[in-house]
Amino acid sequence: MITVNGEKLDFTGTVAELLDVLEYNGKRVAVELNENIVPKADYGSTEVSDGDKLEIVRFVGGG
């Protein structure tokens, strides 16, 4: 069980897979894993483990 933006989620896999499951794939996002920013280049190789806490922020343009 992990926590994403304050909500519990049963998930095992990489940050990239999580973003795909949550339908953030292809969008401008920043990911914090256990209070550390995950570089975009590392999304595919960074494993999410039981007990991890993630914050995902999506950038929205406008004016």
N, C-alpha and C. Protein backbone atom coordinates (compact mmCIF):
# COMPACT_ATOMS: atom_id res chain seq x y z
N MET A 1 0.85 -1.18 0.00
CA MET A 1 0.00 0.00 0.00
C MET A 1 0.90 1.24 0.00
N ILE A 2 0.62 2.16 -0.92
CA ILE A 2 1.36 3.42 -0.99
C ILE A 2 0.38 4.57 -0.77
N THR A 3 0.91 5.76 -0.58
CA THR A 3 0.07 6.95 -0.45
C THR A 3 0.42 7.91 -1.58
N VAL A 4 -0.58 8.29 -2.36
CA VAL A 4 -0.40 9.22 -3.47
C VAL A 4 -1.29 10.43 -3.23
N ASN A 5 -0.66 11.58 -3.08
CA ASN A 5 -1.40 12.82 -2.82
C ASN A 5 -2.40 12.66 -1.67
N GLY A 6 -1.95 11.96 -0.63
CA GLY A 6 -2.75 11.79 0.58
C GLY A 6 -3.75 10.65 0.56
N GLU A 7 -3.84 9.93 -0.55
CA GLU A 7 -4.79 8.82 -0.65
C GLU A 7 -4.07 7.48 -0.79
N LYS A 8 -4.57 6.47 -0.09
CA LYS A 8 -3.98 5.13 -0.12
C LYS A 8 -4.28 4.45 -1.45
N LEU A 9 -3.28 3.71 -1.94
CA LEU A 9 -3.43 3.01 -3.21
C LEU A 9 -2.62 1.73 -3.15
N ASP A 10 -3.21 0.63 -3.61
CA ASP A 10 -2.51 -0.65 -3.68
C ASP A 10 -1.80 -0.70 -5.03
N PHE A 11 -0.46 -0.57 -5.02
CA PHE A 11 0.29 -0.51 -6.27
C PHE A 11 1.70 -1.03 -6.06
N THR A 12 2.21 -1.72 -7.07
CA THR A 12 3.60 -2.15 -7.12
C THR A 12 4.09 -1.91 -8.54
N GLY A 13 5.24 -1.26 -8.68
CA GLY A 13 5.80 -0.99 -10.00
C GLY A 13 6.69 0.23 -9.96
N THR A 14 6.89 0.83 -11.13
CA THR A 14 7.75 2.01 -11.23
C THR A 14 6.92 3.29 -11.21
N VAL A 15 7.60 4.40 -11.05
CA VAL A 15 6.93 5.70 -11.10
C VAL A 15 6.25 5.88 -12.45
N ALA A 16 6.92 5.50 -13.55
CA ALA A 16 6.33 5.62 -14.89
C ALA A 16 5.04 4.81 -15.00
N GLU A 17 5.04 3.60 -14.46
CA GLU A 17 3.84 2.75 -14.50
C GLU A 17 2.73 3.35 -13.67
N LEU A 18 3.08 3.93 -12.53
CA LEU A 18 2.08 4.57 -11.67
C LEU A 18 1.45 5.75 -12.40
N LEU A 19 2.27 6.56 -13.05
CA LEU A 19 1.73 7.71 -13.79
C LEU A 19 0.80 7.25 -14.89
N ASP A 20 1.11 6.13 -15.53
CA ASP A 20 0.25 5.58 -16.57
C ASP A 20 -1.08 5.12 -15.98
N VAL A 21 -1.03 4.40 -14.86
CA VAL A 21 -2.25 3.91 -14.19
C VAL A 21 -3.13 5.08 -13.78
N LEU A 22 -2.52 6.15 -13.29
CA LEU A 22 -3.27 7.32 -12.83
C LEU A 22 -3.61 8.29 -13.96
N GLU A 23 -3.28 7.90 -15.20
CA GLU A 23 -3.56 8.67 -16.40
C GLU A 23 -2.87 10.03 -16.42
N TYR A 24 -1.66 10.09 -15.88
CA TYR A 24 -0.81 11.27 -15.96
C TYR A 24 0.17 11.12 -17.12
N ASN A 25 0.16 9.99 -17.80
CA ASN A 25 1.11 9.72 -18.86
C ASN A 25 1.06 10.79 -19.94
N GLY A 26 2.22 11.35 -20.29
CA GLY A 26 2.31 12.35 -21.33
C GLY A 26 2.03 13.77 -20.87
N LYS A 27 1.70 13.95 -19.61
CA LYS A 27 1.41 15.27 -19.09
C LYS A 27 2.62 15.79 -18.32
N ARG A 28 2.70 17.08 -18.19
CA ARG A 28 3.78 17.70 -17.42
C ARG A 28 3.52 17.52 -15.94
N VAL A 29 4.37 16.73 -15.31
CA VAL A 29 4.21 16.46 -13.88
C VAL A 29 5.56 16.52 -13.18
N ALA A 30 5.49 16.72 -11.88
CA ALA A 30 6.65 16.59 -11.00
C ALA A 30 6.26 15.54 -9.96
N VAL A 31 7.21 14.66 -9.64
CA VAL A 31 6.94 13.59 -8.69
C VAL A 31 7.91 13.68 -7.53
N GLU A 32 7.35 13.66 -6.32
CA GLU A 32 8.15 13.62 -5.10
C GLU A 32 7.90 12.26 -4.46
N LEU A 33 8.97 11.54 -4.19
CA LEU A 33 8.89 10.21 -3.57
C LEU A 33 9.60 10.28 -2.23
N ASN A 34 8.84 10.11 -1.16
CA ASN A 34 9.41 10.17 0.20
C ASN A 34 10.23 11.45 0.40
N GLU A 35 9.64 12.57 -0.02
CA GLU A 35 10.20 13.91 0.16
C GLU A 35 11.43 14.20 -0.70
N ASN A 36 11.65 13.40 -1.75
CA ASN A 36 12.75 13.63 -2.69
C ASN A 36 12.18 13.70 -4.10
N ILE A 37 12.58 14.73 -4.85
CA ILE A 37 12.13 14.88 -6.23
C ILE A 37 12.75 13.76 -7.08
N VAL A 38 11.92 13.12 -7.89
CA VAL A 38 12.40 12.08 -8.80
C VAL A 38 12.65 12.72 -10.17
N PRO A 39 13.88 12.68 -10.68
CA PRO A 39 14.14 13.23 -12.01
C PRO A 39 13.32 12.48 -13.07
N LYS A 40 12.80 13.22 -14.04
CA LYS A 40 11.97 12.61 -15.08
C LYS A 40 12.69 11.46 -15.77
N ALA A 41 13.99 11.57 -15.96
CA ALA A 41 14.77 10.51 -16.61
C ALA A 41 14.76 9.21 -15.80
N ASP A 42 14.44 9.29 -14.51
CA ASP A 42 14.45 8.11 -13.64
C ASP A 42 13.08 7.50 -13.40
N TYR A 43 12.02 8.05 -13.98
CA TYR A 43 10.67 7.54 -13.74
C TYR A 43 10.56 6.05 -14.06
N GLY A 44 11.16 5.62 -15.14
CA GLY A 44 11.06 4.22 -15.57
C GLY A 44 11.86 3.25 -14.75
N SER A 45 12.85 3.75 -14.01
CA SER A 45 13.71 2.86 -13.22
C SER A 45 13.51 3.00 -11.71
N THR A 46 12.67 3.94 -11.29
CA THR A 46 12.44 4.15 -9.86
C THR A 46 11.26 3.31 -9.40
N GLU A 47 11.53 2.33 -8.58
CA GLU A 47 10.50 1.44 -8.06
C GLU A 47 9.75 2.09 -6.89
N VAL A 48 8.46 1.86 -6.86
CA VAL A 48 7.61 2.31 -5.76
C VAL A 48 7.38 1.11 -4.87
N SER A 49 7.64 1.28 -3.57
CA SER A 49 7.55 0.16 -2.62
C SER A 49 6.46 0.40 -1.59
N ASP A 50 6.06 -0.68 -0.95
CA ASP A 50 5.06 -0.63 0.11
C ASP A 50 5.47 0.41 1.15
N GLY A 51 4.55 1.29 1.52
CA GLY A 51 4.80 2.30 2.53
C GLY A 51 5.31 3.62 1.97
N ASP A 52 5.63 3.68 0.67
CA ASP A 52 6.12 4.92 0.07
C ASP A 52 5.03 5.97 0.03
N LYS A 53 5.47 7.24 0.09
CA LYS A 53 4.55 8.37 -0.02
C LYS A 53 4.97 9.20 -1.22
N LEU A 54 4.02 9.44 -2.11
CA LEU A 54 4.29 10.22 -3.31
C LEU A 54 3.37 11.43 -3.37
N GLU A 55 3.92 12.50 -3.89
CA GLU A 55 3.14 13.68 -4.23
C GLU A 55 3.36 13.89 -5.72
N ILE A 56 2.27 14.01 -6.46
CA ILE A 56 2.35 14.23 -7.90
C ILE A 56 1.67 15.56 -8.18
N VAL A 57 2.40 16.45 -8.84
CA VAL A 57 1.88 17.76 -9.18
C VAL A 57 1.86 17.89 -10.69
N ARG A 58 0.73 18.28 -11.23
CA ARG A 58 0.59 18.47 -12.67
C ARG A 58 0.63 19.97 -12.97
N PHE A 59 1.44 20.33 -13.94
CA PHE A 59 1.56 21.73 -14.34
C PHE A 59 0.46 22.05 -15.34
N VAL A 60 -0.22 23.15 -15.11
CA VAL A 60 -1.32 23.58 -15.96
C VAL A 60 -1.01 24.98 -16.47
N GLY A 61 -1.08 25.16 -17.78
CA GLY A 61 -0.85 26.48 -18.36
C GLY A 61 -2.14 27.26 -18.43
N GLY A 62 -2.02 28.50 -18.64
CA GLY A 62 -3.21 29.33 -18.78
C GLY A 62 -2.86 30.79 -18.57
N GLY A 63 -3.85 31.59 -18.58
CA GLY A 63 -3.56 33.00 -18.40
C GLY A 63 -4.78 33.79 -18.08
